[in-house]
Amino acid sequence: QAIYALARLGGYMGDTPENPAIRSVVRALLTPHIATLMQDPDAKLILKMLNSNIQNPYFLWDASTRGELLKYLEDQCETTIRSGNHVLQRPLQDSDLINLDTTYGSEFVFTAHKEELILGNIFVRLYNEQPSFPLTEPRKF
C-alpha cells in the first residue's frame, strides 16, 4: 500500500497530478531507478529490490545504502520529535529547524553514490563492468 500511496503522491501513475517536490525526494532517497519503477509500481518487485544487494548499471544498493537511508530517516524522526515540531501549537521558528532537513531529503546523496559517475541515471563504472547489461533507453546514455 505504501508504494502505491507514494506513487500517487508523486503523480507517477498518470491519474494523479505530477508533484515535483515528492518526485525529487523519491529520486534522492530511493534512487532514480526506483522512481522510474513508480510509473507502473510492482510493490513486490520494489520491496524485493530495496531489501536485496544489487549492483547493476541502474541500481547500486546494498546493506550500506539501506543502513544510510534508515539512519537518515531515524535522525529526521528523532529531530522532529525532540523539537516538538509534530505537536507545535505555534508557528515554526528558525531555532526549531536546527537539525531538521528542510529539503525533506531531496538533496540527500548516498555515500556509495558520491564517487560514482552517473550519466542518464546509469552508473558508468557498473556499466563498464557489465557491458552486456541491457539498457532500456540507450540513446539517453
N, C-alpha and C. Protein backbone atom coordinates (compact mmCIF):
# COMPACT_ATOMS: atom_id res chain seq x y z
N GLN A 1 0.82 -1.19 0.00
CA GLN A 1 0.00 0.00 0.00
C GLN A 1 0.86 1.26 0.00
N ALA A 2 1.97 1.24 0.75
CA ALA A 2 2.82 2.43 0.84
C ALA A 2 3.44 2.78 -0.51
N ILE A 3 3.81 1.77 -1.29
CA ILE A 3 4.40 2.02 -2.61
C ILE A 3 3.38 2.72 -3.51
N TYR A 4 2.14 2.24 -3.49
CA TYR A 4 1.10 2.86 -4.32
C TYR A 4 0.77 4.26 -3.84
N ALA A 5 0.75 4.46 -2.53
CA ALA A 5 0.50 5.80 -1.99
C ALA A 5 1.60 6.77 -2.42
N LEU A 6 2.84 6.33 -2.34
CA LEU A 6 3.97 7.16 -2.74
C LEU A 6 3.91 7.46 -4.24
N ALA A 7 3.55 6.46 -5.03
CA ALA A 7 3.42 6.67 -6.48
C ALA A 7 2.32 7.68 -6.80
N ARG A 8 1.24 7.62 -6.07
CA ARG A 8 0.15 8.58 -6.29
C ARG A 8 0.55 9.98 -5.82
N LEU A 9 1.20 10.07 -4.66
CA LEU A 9 1.65 11.37 -4.16
C LEU A 9 2.58 12.06 -5.15
N GLY A 10 3.45 11.29 -5.77
CA GLY A 10 4.40 11.85 -6.73
C GLY A 10 3.81 12.09 -8.10
N GLY A 11 2.60 11.59 -8.32
CA GLY A 11 1.98 11.74 -9.63
C GLY A 11 2.60 10.85 -10.68
N TYR A 12 3.10 9.70 -10.27
CA TYR A 12 3.75 8.78 -11.19
C TYR A 12 2.75 7.95 -11.99
N MET A 13 1.54 7.80 -11.50
CA MET A 13 0.63 6.82 -12.07
C MET A 13 -0.32 7.37 -13.13
N GLY A 14 -0.20 8.61 -13.50
CA GLY A 14 -1.00 9.13 -14.60
C GLY A 14 -2.36 9.66 -14.20
N ASP A 15 -2.99 9.08 -13.19
CA ASP A 15 -4.31 9.56 -12.79
C ASP A 15 -4.23 10.57 -11.64
N THR A 16 -3.01 10.96 -11.27
CA THR A 16 -2.80 11.99 -10.26
C THR A 16 -1.83 13.02 -10.82
N PRO A 17 -1.96 14.27 -10.41
CA PRO A 17 -1.05 15.30 -10.95
C PRO A 17 0.39 15.09 -10.50
N GLU A 18 1.30 15.45 -11.37
CA GLU A 18 2.72 15.33 -11.07
C GLU A 18 3.09 16.27 -9.93
N ASN A 19 3.87 15.75 -8.98
CA ASN A 19 4.30 16.54 -7.83
C ASN A 19 5.83 16.58 -7.81
N PRO A 20 6.43 17.64 -8.35
CA PRO A 20 7.89 17.70 -8.45
C PRO A 20 8.61 17.58 -7.12
N ALA A 21 8.05 18.12 -6.05
CA ALA A 21 8.71 18.05 -4.74
C ALA A 21 8.81 16.61 -4.26
N ILE A 22 7.73 15.86 -4.35
CA ILE A 22 7.74 14.45 -3.94
C ILE A 22 8.66 13.65 -4.85
N ARG A 23 8.62 13.93 -6.14
CA ARG A 23 9.47 13.20 -7.08
C ARG A 23 10.96 13.40 -6.78
N SER A 24 11.34 14.62 -6.41
CA SER A 24 12.76 14.85 -6.12
C SER A 24 13.18 14.11 -4.85
N VAL A 25 12.29 14.00 -3.88
CA VAL A 25 12.60 13.25 -2.66
C VAL A 25 12.71 11.76 -2.97
N VAL A 26 11.79 11.23 -3.77
CA VAL A 26 11.84 9.81 -4.14
C VAL A 26 13.12 9.50 -4.90
N ARG A 27 13.50 10.36 -5.85
CA ARG A 27 14.72 10.15 -6.62
C ARG A 27 15.95 10.14 -5.71
N ALA A 28 15.97 11.03 -4.72
CA ALA A 28 17.14 11.11 -3.84
C ALA A 28 17.18 9.97 -2.83
N LEU A 29 16.06 9.69 -2.17
CA LEU A 29 16.06 8.71 -1.09
C LEU A 29 15.90 7.27 -1.56
N LEU A 30 15.24 7.06 -2.69
CA LEU A 30 15.02 5.69 -3.17
C LEU A 30 15.71 5.42 -4.50
N THR A 31 16.43 6.35 -5.03
CA THR A 31 17.21 6.29 -6.27
C THR A 31 16.34 6.56 -7.50
N PRO A 32 16.96 7.09 -8.57
CA PRO A 32 16.23 7.35 -9.81
C PRO A 32 15.60 6.09 -10.40
N HIS A 33 16.25 4.95 -10.25
CA HIS A 33 15.71 3.71 -10.81
C HIS A 33 14.38 3.33 -10.14
N ILE A 34 14.32 3.41 -8.83
CA ILE A 34 13.06 3.12 -8.13
C ILE A 34 12.01 4.16 -8.52
N ALA A 35 12.42 5.41 -8.66
CA ALA A 35 11.48 6.45 -9.09
C ALA A 35 10.88 6.10 -10.45
N THR A 36 11.69 5.59 -11.35
CA THR A 36 11.20 5.18 -12.67
C THR A 36 10.20 4.03 -12.55
N LEU A 37 10.48 3.10 -11.66
CA LEU A 37 9.57 1.96 -11.45
C LEU A 37 8.23 2.38 -10.86
N MET A 38 8.16 3.55 -10.26
CA MET A 38 6.92 4.05 -9.66
C MET A 38 5.85 4.35 -10.72
N GLN A 39 6.24 4.48 -11.98
CA GLN A 39 5.28 4.78 -13.03
C GLN A 39 4.29 3.64 -13.24
N ASP A 40 4.72 2.44 -12.97
CA ASP A 40 3.85 1.27 -13.03
C ASP A 40 4.28 0.37 -11.87
N PRO A 41 3.93 0.78 -10.64
CA PRO A 41 4.53 0.14 -9.47
C PRO A 41 4.14 -1.32 -9.27
N ASP A 42 5.16 -2.13 -9.13
CA ASP A 42 5.01 -3.52 -8.73
C ASP A 42 5.61 -3.56 -7.32
N ALA A 43 4.74 -3.46 -6.32
CA ALA A 43 5.19 -3.32 -4.94
C ALA A 43 6.13 -4.46 -4.53
N LYS A 44 5.82 -5.67 -4.93
CA LYS A 44 6.68 -6.80 -4.54
C LYS A 44 8.08 -6.65 -5.12
N LEU A 45 8.17 -6.26 -6.38
CA LEU A 45 9.48 -6.08 -7.02
C LEU A 45 10.26 -4.96 -6.34
N ILE A 46 9.62 -3.83 -6.11
CA ILE A 46 10.30 -2.68 -5.50
C ILE A 46 10.78 -3.04 -4.09
N LEU A 47 9.93 -3.65 -3.31
CA LEU A 47 10.32 -4.03 -1.95
C LEU A 47 11.42 -5.08 -1.96
N LYS A 48 11.36 -6.00 -2.90
CA LYS A 48 12.41 -7.01 -3.03
C LYS A 48 13.75 -6.34 -3.35
N MET A 49 13.72 -5.39 -4.27
CA MET A 49 14.94 -4.68 -4.64
C MET A 49 15.52 -3.91 -3.46
N LEU A 50 14.66 -3.25 -2.69
CA LEU A 50 15.13 -2.44 -1.57
C LEU A 50 15.65 -3.30 -0.41
N ASN A 51 15.31 -4.58 -0.42
CA ASN A 51 15.78 -5.49 0.62
C ASN A 51 16.86 -6.44 0.11
N SER A 52 17.39 -6.18 -1.07
CA SER A 52 18.42 -7.02 -1.68
C SER A 52 19.70 -6.22 -1.85
N ASN A 53 20.77 -6.92 -2.16
CA ASN A 53 22.03 -6.29 -2.54
C ASN A 53 22.14 -6.40 -4.06
N ILE A 54 22.09 -5.27 -4.73
CA ILE A 54 22.07 -5.26 -6.19
C ILE A 54 23.09 -4.24 -6.70
N GLN A 55 23.89 -4.68 -7.66
CA GLN A 55 24.82 -3.78 -8.34
C GLN A 55 24.68 -4.00 -9.83
N ASN A 56 23.96 -3.10 -10.48
CA ASN A 56 23.88 -3.12 -11.93
C ASN A 56 23.93 -1.67 -12.41
N PRO A 57 24.03 -1.43 -13.70
CA PRO A 57 24.17 -0.06 -14.17
C PRO A 57 23.05 0.90 -13.75
N TYR A 58 21.88 0.37 -13.41
CA TYR A 58 20.77 1.22 -12.99
C TYR A 58 20.66 1.37 -11.48
N PHE A 59 21.14 0.41 -10.74
CA PHE A 59 20.81 0.36 -9.32
C PHE A 59 22.01 -0.14 -8.52
N LEU A 60 22.50 0.71 -7.63
CA LEU A 60 23.59 0.36 -6.73
C LEU A 60 23.02 0.43 -5.32
N TRP A 61 22.75 -0.74 -4.74
CA TRP A 61 22.04 -0.81 -3.47
C TRP A 61 22.54 -2.01 -2.68
N ASP A 62 22.90 -1.77 -1.43
CA ASP A 62 23.37 -2.85 -0.57
C ASP A 62 23.09 -2.49 0.88
N ALA A 63 23.68 -3.25 1.80
CA ALA A 63 23.43 -3.03 3.22
C ALA A 63 23.86 -1.63 3.66
N SER A 64 24.92 -1.10 3.07
CA SER A 64 25.38 0.23 3.48
C SER A 64 24.40 1.33 3.04
N THR A 65 23.87 1.24 1.82
CA THR A 65 22.91 2.25 1.38
C THR A 65 21.61 2.12 2.17
N ARG A 66 21.18 0.89 2.39
CA ARG A 66 19.97 0.66 3.20
C ARG A 66 20.15 1.24 4.60
N GLY A 67 21.30 0.96 5.21
CA GLY A 67 21.58 1.47 6.55
C GLY A 67 21.67 2.98 6.59
N GLU A 68 22.28 3.55 5.56
CA GLU A 68 22.40 5.01 5.49
C GLU A 68 21.03 5.67 5.37
N LEU A 69 20.16 5.09 4.56
CA LEU A 69 18.80 5.61 4.43
C LEU A 69 18.06 5.51 5.76
N LEU A 70 18.13 4.36 6.41
CA LEU A 70 17.45 4.18 7.69
C LEU A 70 17.98 5.17 8.73
N LYS A 71 19.29 5.37 8.78
CA LYS A 71 19.88 6.32 9.73
C LYS A 71 19.38 7.73 9.46
N TYR A 72 19.36 8.13 8.21
CA TYR A 72 18.87 9.46 7.85
C TYR A 72 17.42 9.64 8.30
N LEU A 73 16.58 8.65 7.99
CA LEU A 73 15.16 8.74 8.35
C LEU A 73 14.97 8.74 9.87
N GLU A 74 15.72 7.90 10.57
CA GLU A 74 15.63 7.87 12.03
C GLU A 74 16.06 9.21 12.63
N ASP A 75 17.13 9.78 12.10
CA ASP A 75 17.60 11.08 12.59
C ASP A 75 16.54 12.16 12.37
N GLN A 76 15.90 12.14 11.21
CA GLN A 76 14.88 13.14 10.93
C GLN A 76 13.67 12.97 11.85
N CYS A 77 13.26 11.73 12.09
CA CYS A 77 12.15 11.48 13.02
C CYS A 77 12.51 11.94 14.43
N GLU A 78 13.70 11.58 14.87
CA GLU A 78 14.16 11.94 16.21
C GLU A 78 14.22 13.45 16.36
N THR A 79 14.75 14.14 15.36
CA THR A 79 14.84 15.60 15.41
C THR A 79 13.47 16.22 15.47
N THR A 80 12.53 15.71 14.70
CA THR A 80 11.18 16.24 14.69
C THR A 80 10.51 16.04 16.04
N ILE A 81 10.66 14.87 16.61
CA ILE A 81 10.03 14.58 17.90
C ILE A 81 10.70 15.39 19.01
N ARG A 82 12.04 15.41 19.01
CA ARG A 82 12.77 16.15 20.05
C ARG A 82 12.41 17.63 20.02
N SER A 83 12.28 18.20 18.83
CA SER A 83 11.98 19.63 18.73
C SER A 83 10.52 19.93 19.00
N GLY A 84 9.68 18.89 18.95
CA GLY A 84 8.26 19.10 19.17
C GLY A 84 7.54 19.63 17.95
N ASN A 85 8.20 19.63 16.79
CA ASN A 85 7.57 20.17 15.58
C ASN A 85 6.30 19.43 15.19
N HIS A 86 6.18 18.19 15.62
CA HIS A 86 5.00 17.42 15.25
C HIS A 86 3.78 17.81 16.07
N VAL A 87 3.96 18.57 17.16
CA VAL A 87 2.82 18.97 18.01
C VAL A 87 2.85 20.45 18.34
N LEU A 88 3.61 21.24 17.60
CA LEU A 88 3.70 22.67 17.91
C LEU A 88 2.34 23.35 17.81
N GLN A 89 2.05 24.16 18.80
CA GLN A 89 0.82 24.93 18.80
C GLN A 89 1.13 26.39 18.42
N ARG A 90 2.29 26.61 17.86
CA ARG A 90 2.73 27.94 17.47
C ARG A 90 3.44 27.83 16.12
N PRO A 91 3.63 28.94 15.42
CA PRO A 91 4.37 28.89 14.16
C PRO A 91 5.81 28.41 14.38
N LEU A 92 6.35 27.72 13.39
CA LEU A 92 7.74 27.28 13.47
C LEU A 92 8.67 28.47 13.52
N GLN A 93 9.74 28.32 14.26
CA GLN A 93 10.77 29.34 14.34
C GLN A 93 12.07 28.72 13.84
N ASP A 94 13.03 29.57 13.45
CA ASP A 94 14.30 29.07 12.94
C ASP A 94 14.97 28.12 13.92
N SER A 95 14.87 28.39 15.20
CA SER A 95 15.52 27.54 16.20
C SER A 95 14.91 26.14 16.23
N ASP A 96 13.69 25.98 15.74
CA ASP A 96 13.05 24.66 15.69
C ASP A 96 13.67 23.78 14.62
N LEU A 97 14.31 24.38 13.64
CA LEU A 97 14.77 23.66 12.46
C LEU A 97 16.27 23.41 12.45
N ILE A 98 16.92 23.49 13.58
CA ILE A 98 18.38 23.37 13.64
C ILE A 98 18.87 22.10 12.96
N ASN A 99 18.31 20.94 13.27
CA ASN A 99 18.79 19.68 12.69
C ASN A 99 17.83 19.07 11.69
N LEU A 100 16.73 19.73 11.43
CA LEU A 100 15.74 19.18 10.52
C LEU A 100 16.12 19.50 9.08
N ASP A 101 16.09 18.52 8.21
CA ASP A 101 16.42 18.70 6.80
C ASP A 101 15.22 19.37 6.12
N THR A 102 15.32 20.65 5.87
CA THR A 102 14.20 21.39 5.29
C THR A 102 14.01 21.09 3.80
N THR A 103 14.93 20.30 3.20
CA THR A 103 14.74 19.88 1.81
C THR A 103 13.97 18.56 1.76
N TYR A 104 13.67 18.02 2.94
CA TYR A 104 12.94 16.75 3.08
C TYR A 104 13.64 15.59 2.37
N GLY A 105 14.95 15.70 2.25
CA GLY A 105 15.72 14.61 1.66
C GLY A 105 15.98 14.75 0.18
N SER A 106 15.47 15.78 -0.46
CA SER A 106 15.64 15.90 -1.91
C SER A 106 17.08 16.14 -2.31
N GLU A 107 17.94 16.56 -1.38
CA GLU A 107 19.35 16.78 -1.68
C GLU A 107 20.25 15.70 -1.08
N PHE A 108 19.64 14.67 -0.53
CA PHE A 108 20.38 13.57 0.07
C PHE A 108 21.13 12.80 -1.01
N VAL A 109 22.38 12.44 -0.71
CA VAL A 109 23.19 11.64 -1.63
C VAL A 109 23.83 10.52 -0.82
N PHE A 110 23.66 9.30 -1.28
CA PHE A 110 24.27 8.16 -0.61
C PHE A 110 25.78 8.23 -0.74
N THR A 111 26.48 7.85 0.32
CA THR A 111 27.93 7.84 0.30
C THR A 111 28.46 6.98 -0.84
N ALA A 112 27.85 5.83 -1.05
CA ALA A 112 28.28 4.91 -2.12
C ALA A 112 28.09 5.51 -3.51
N HIS A 113 27.22 6.50 -3.63
CA HIS A 113 26.94 7.10 -4.94
C HIS A 113 27.75 8.37 -5.20
N LYS A 114 28.33 8.94 -4.15
CA LYS A 114 29.04 10.23 -4.28
C LYS A 114 30.20 10.18 -5.26
N GLU A 115 30.93 9.09 -5.27
CA GLU A 115 32.12 8.99 -6.11
C GLU A 115 31.84 8.38 -7.48
N GLU A 116 30.60 8.02 -7.73
CA GLU A 116 30.24 7.38 -8.99
C GLU A 116 29.95 8.41 -10.07
N LEU A 117 30.37 8.12 -11.29
CA LEU A 117 29.98 8.91 -12.45
C LEU A 117 28.65 8.36 -12.93
N ILE A 118 27.64 9.23 -12.95
CA ILE A 118 26.29 8.81 -13.33
C ILE A 118 25.86 9.64 -14.54
N LEU A 119 25.58 8.97 -15.65
CA LEU A 119 25.11 9.64 -16.87
C LEU A 119 23.79 9.02 -17.28
N GLY A 120 22.77 9.84 -17.44
CA GLY A 120 21.46 9.31 -17.84
C GLY A 120 20.95 8.27 -16.86
N ASN A 121 21.20 8.47 -15.57
CA ASN A 121 20.80 7.54 -14.50
C ASN A 121 21.49 6.18 -14.59
N ILE A 122 22.63 6.15 -15.27
CA ILE A 122 23.42 4.92 -15.40
C ILE A 122 24.72 5.10 -14.63
N PHE A 123 25.05 4.13 -13.79
CA PHE A 123 26.33 4.11 -13.11
C PHE A 123 27.37 3.63 -14.12
N VAL A 124 28.20 4.54 -14.59
CA VAL A 124 29.13 4.25 -15.69
C VAL A 124 30.10 3.13 -15.31
N ARG A 125 30.64 3.17 -14.11
CA ARG A 125 31.58 2.12 -13.68
C ARG A 125 30.92 0.74 -13.75
N LEU A 126 29.69 0.64 -13.30
CA LEU A 126 29.00 -0.65 -13.32
C LEU A 126 28.63 -1.07 -14.75
N TYR A 127 28.33 -0.09 -15.60
CA TYR A 127 28.07 -0.43 -17.00
C TYR A 127 29.35 -0.95 -17.66
N ASN A 128 30.47 -0.32 -17.35
CA ASN A 128 31.75 -0.79 -17.91
C ASN A 128 32.08 -2.20 -17.43
N GLU A 129 31.71 -2.52 -16.20
CA GLU A 129 31.93 -3.87 -15.67
C GLU A 129 30.94 -4.89 -16.24
N GLN A 130 29.78 -4.41 -16.67
CA GLN A 130 28.71 -5.28 -17.19
C GLN A 130 28.21 -4.73 -18.54
N PRO A 131 29.07 -4.67 -19.56
CA PRO A 131 28.69 -4.02 -20.82
C PRO A 131 27.55 -4.69 -21.57
N SER A 132 27.26 -5.94 -21.26
CA SER A 132 26.15 -6.61 -21.94
C SER A 132 24.81 -6.38 -21.24
N PHE A 133 24.83 -5.63 -20.14
CA PHE A 133 23.59 -5.35 -19.42
C PHE A 133 22.66 -4.54 -20.33
N PRO A 134 21.42 -4.98 -20.52
CA PRO A 134 20.51 -4.28 -21.45
C PRO A 134 20.04 -2.94 -20.87
N LEU A 135 20.21 -1.90 -21.66
CA LEU A 135 19.74 -0.56 -21.28
C LEU A 135 18.36 -0.34 -21.89
N THR A 136 17.45 0.23 -21.10
CA THR A 136 16.08 0.45 -21.59
C THR A 136 16.02 1.63 -22.56
N GLU A 137 16.86 2.65 -22.34
CA GLU A 137 16.90 3.81 -23.21
C GLU A 137 18.34 4.17 -23.54
N PRO A 138 18.98 3.39 -24.42
CA PRO A 138 20.41 3.59 -24.67
C PRO A 138 20.74 4.98 -25.25
N ARG A 139 19.81 5.60 -25.94
CA ARG A 139 20.10 6.93 -26.51
C ARG A 139 20.28 7.99 -25.43
N LYS A 140 19.63 7.82 -24.29
CA LYS A 140 19.79 8.78 -23.20
C LYS A 140 21.14 8.63 -22.51
N PHE A 141 21.75 7.47 -22.66
CA PHE A 141 23.03 7.21 -22.04
C PHE A 141 24.11 7.78 -22.94
